[in-house]
C-alpha atoms as a PDB file:
ATOM      1  CA  MET A   1      93.216 111.938 105.103  1.00  0.00           C
ATOM      2  CA  ILE A   2      96.569 110.459 105.729  1.00  0.00           C
ATOM      3  CA  LEU A   3      99.718 112.531 106.588  1.00  0.00           C
ATOM      4  CA  TYR A   4     102.973 111.073 105.197  1.00  0.00           C
ATOM      5  CA  HIS A   5     105.623 112.790 107.397  1.00  0.00           C
ATOM      6  CA  VAL A   6     109.314 112.757 106.285  1.00  0.00           C
ATOM      7  CA  THR A   7     111.912 114.088 108.757  1.00  0.00           C
ATOM      8  CA  VAL A   8     115.350 114.845 107.347  1.00  0.00           C
ATOM      9  CA  LYS A   9     118.271 116.159 109.279  1.00  0.00           C
ATOM     10  CA  ILE A  10     120.693 117.499 106.582  1.00  0.00           C
ATOM     11  CA  ASP A  11     124.415 118.574 107.243  1.00  0.00           C
ATOM     12  CA  ASN A  12     124.778 122.365 107.368  1.00  0.00           C
ATOM     13  CA  ASP A  13     127.320 122.386 104.714  1.00  0.00           C
ATOM     14  CA  VAL A  14     124.722 121.307 102.013  1.00  0.00           C
ATOM     15  CA  ARG A  15     121.677 122.723 103.704  1.00  0.00           C
ATOM     16  CA  GLN A  16     120.941 125.466 101.288  1.00  0.00           C
ATOM     17  CA  ASP A  17     121.696 123.313  98.103  1.00  0.00           C
ATOM     18  CA  TRP A  18     119.363 120.645  99.645  1.00  0.00           C
ATOM     19  CA  LEU A  19     116.633 123.014 100.340  1.00  0.00           C
ATOM     20  CA  THR A  20     116.652 124.495  97.007  1.00  0.00           C
ATOM     21  CA  TRP A  21     116.655 121.114  95.425  1.00  0.00           C
ATOM     22  CA  MET A  22     113.887 119.927  97.482  1.00  0.00           C
ATOM     23  CA  LYS A  23     111.697 123.057  96.540  1.00  0.00           C
ATOM     24  CA  ASN A  24     112.560 123.037  92.955  1.00  0.00           C
ATOM     25  CA  VAL A  25     113.025 119.384  92.057  1.00  0.00           C
ATOM     26  CA  HIS A  26     112.188 116.746  94.577  1.00  0.00           C
ATOM     27  CA  ILE A  27     108.906 117.876  96.066  1.00  0.00           C
ATOM     28  CA  PRO A  28     107.483 118.794  92.592  1.00  0.00           C
ATOM     29  CA  ASP A  29     108.448 115.349  91.357  1.00  0.00           C
ATOM     30  CA  VAL A  30     106.630 113.840  94.385  1.00  0.00           C
ATOM     31  CA  MET A  31     103.544 116.035  93.644  1.00  0.00           C
ATOM     32  CA  ASP A  32     103.464 115.115  90.077  1.00  0.00           C
ATOM     33  CA  THR A  33     102.865 111.565  90.983  1.00  0.00           C
ATOM     34  CA  GLY A  34      99.292 112.569  91.752  1.00  0.00           C
ATOM     35  CA  ARG A  35      99.264 110.593  94.907  1.00  0.00           C
ATOM     36  CA  PHE A  36      99.157 113.570  97.226  1.00  0.00           C
ATOM     37  CA  GLU A  37      96.831 116.497  97.730  1.00  0.00           C
ATOM     38  CA  SER A  38      99.151 118.969  99.314  1.00  0.00           C
ATOM     39  CA  TYR A  39     102.448 119.381 101.087  1.00  0.00           C
ATOM     40  CA  ARG A  40     104.166 121.499 103.718  1.00  0.00           C
ATOM     41  CA  ILE A  41     107.834 121.835 104.415  1.00  0.00           C
ATOM     42  CA  THR A  42     109.063 123.107 107.920  1.00  0.00           C
ATOM     43  CA  ARG A  43     112.333 123.598 109.628  1.00  0.00           C
ATOM     44  CA  MET A  44     112.904 122.771 113.203  1.00  0.00           C
ATOM     45  CA  ILE A  45     113.496 125.881 115.384  1.00  0.00           C
ATOM     46  CA  SER A  46     116.852 125.185 116.897  1.00  0.00           C
ATOM     47  CA  ASP A  47     120.539 125.665 116.185  1.00  0.00           C
ATOM     48  CA  GLU A  48     122.443 122.466 115.722  1.00  0.00           C
ATOM     49  CA  ASP A  49     126.034 122.199 115.050  1.00  0.00           C
ATOM     50  CA  ASP A  50     125.862 118.882 113.233  1.00  0.00           C
ATOM     51  CA  GLY A  51     122.758 119.688 110.972  1.00  0.00           C
ATOM     52  CA  THR A  52     119.415 121.205 110.432  1.00  0.00           C
ATOM     53  CA  THR A  53     116.278 119.267 110.832  1.00  0.00           C
ATOM     54  CA  PHE A  54     113.386 119.740 108.231  1.00  0.00           C
ATOM     55  CA  SER A  55     109.921 118.132 108.039  1.00  0.00           C
ATOM     56  CA  ILE A  56     108.036 117.547 104.873  1.00  0.00           C
ATOM     57  CA  GLN A  57     104.418 116.727 105.250  1.00  0.00           C
ATOM     58  CA  TYR A  58     102.397 115.332 102.326  1.00  0.00           C
ATOM     59  CA  THR A  59      98.613 114.711 102.565  1.00  0.00           C
ATOM     60  CA  ALA A  60      96.956 111.924 100.688  1.00  0.00           C
ATOM     61  CA  LYS A  61      93.331 110.902 100.362  1.00  0.00           C
ATOM     62  CA  ASP A  62      93.938 107.508 101.813  1.00  0.00           C
ATOM     63  CA  MET A  63      96.442 104.819 102.706  1.00  0.00           C
ATOM     64  CA  GLY A  64      95.955 103.348  99.225  1.00  0.00           C
ATOM     65  CA  ALA A  65      97.453 106.493  97.498  1.00  0.00           C
ATOM     66  CA  ILE A  66     100.488 106.174  99.835  1.00  0.00           C
ATOM     67  CA  ASP A  67     100.928 102.427  99.175  1.00  0.00           C
ATOM     68  CA  GLN A  68     100.806 103.105  95.472  1.00  0.00           C
ATOM     69  CA  TYR A  69     103.505 105.877  95.790  1.00  0.00           C
ATOM     70  CA  LEU A  70     105.740 103.762  98.016  1.00  0.00           C
ATOM     71  CA  SER A  71     105.420 100.725  95.637  1.00  0.00           C
ATOM     72  CA  ASN A  72     105.855 102.664  92.313  1.00  0.00           C
ATOM     73  CA  GLU A  73     107.400 106.023  92.663  1.00  0.00           C
ATOM     74  CA  ALA A  74     109.226 106.369  96.013  1.00  0.00           C
ATOM     75  CA  PRO A  75     111.997 103.798  95.373  1.00  0.00           C
ATOM     76  CA  SER A  76     113.481 105.978  92.407  1.00  0.00           C
ATOM     77  CA  LEU A  77     112.804 109.289  94.061  1.00  0.00           C
ATOM     78  CA  GLN A  78     114.526 108.335  97.302  1.00  0.00           C
ATOM     79  CA  ALA A  79     117.359 106.897  95.420  1.00  0.00           C
ATOM     80  CA  ASP A  80     117.869 110.271  93.600  1.00  0.00           C
ATOM     81  CA  HIS A  81     117.942 111.928  97.032  1.00  0.00           C
ATOM     82  CA  THR A  82     120.391 109.393  98.375  1.00  0.00           C
ATOM     83  CA  ARG A  83     122.749 109.618  95.441  1.00  0.00           C
ATOM     84  CA  ARG A  84     122.698 113.518  95.660  1.00  0.00           C
ATOM     85  CA  TYR A  85     123.198 113.727  99.488  1.00  0.00           C
ATOM     86  CA  GLU A  86     124.771 110.400 100.575  1.00  0.00           C
ATOM     87  CA  GLY A  87     126.541 110.521 103.971  1.00  0.00           C
ATOM     88  CA  LYS A  88     125.071 114.022 104.554  1.00  0.00           C
ATOM     89  CA  PHE A  89     121.557 113.256 105.867  1.00  0.00           C
ATOM     90  CA  VAL A  90     119.493 110.967 108.120  1.00  0.00           C
ATOM     91  CA  ALA A  91     115.788 110.510 107.411  1.00  0.00           C
ATOM     92  CA  TYR A  92     112.809 108.762 108.767  1.00  0.00           C
ATOM     93  CA  ARG A  93     109.209 108.464 107.641  1.00  0.00           C
ATOM     94  CA  THR A  94     105.934 108.156 109.600  1.00  0.00           C
ATOM     95  CA  PHE A  95     102.291 107.895 108.648  1.00  0.00           C
ATOM     96  CA  HIS A  96      99.389 109.525 110.638  1.00  0.00           C
ATOM     97  CA  HIS A  97      95.648 109.514 110.297  1.00  0.00           C
ATOM     98  CA  ILE A  98      94.455 113.177 110.311  1.00  0.00           C
ATOM     99  CA  LEU A  99      91.651 113.259 112.672  1.00  0.00           C
ATOM    100  CA  GLU A 100      90.829 116.884 112.415  1.00  0.00           C
ATOM    101  CA  SER A 101      92.323 119.894 110.643  1.00  0.00           C
ATOM    102  CA  SER A 102      91.261 123.598 110.190  1.00  0.00           C
ATOM    103  CA  ASP A 103      92.409 122.962 106.419  1.00  0.00           C
ATOM    104  CA  SER A 104      89.671 120.537 105.781  1.00  0.00           C
END
């Protein structure tokens, strides 16, 4: 299994709108691609004046599924996010092999 980990720091003035949009629109759109098995969204436990940091973790069967997502669906989904929250967030993405999990 592969973990596709997206970290987003969103400005506090749009935080609630962003979280609602992520839960109701963006994450369901990502999951509807069929490339991922599950997801988890978390919020960093800290108070920050300049924004709130969230982590969205998607699990995929293998790197091939993620490569297909990155080639075929990610560009338009990420563009939608950027258009909606341009100048209000920073994001980075990492990939991890899941070596062991109590979920599996």
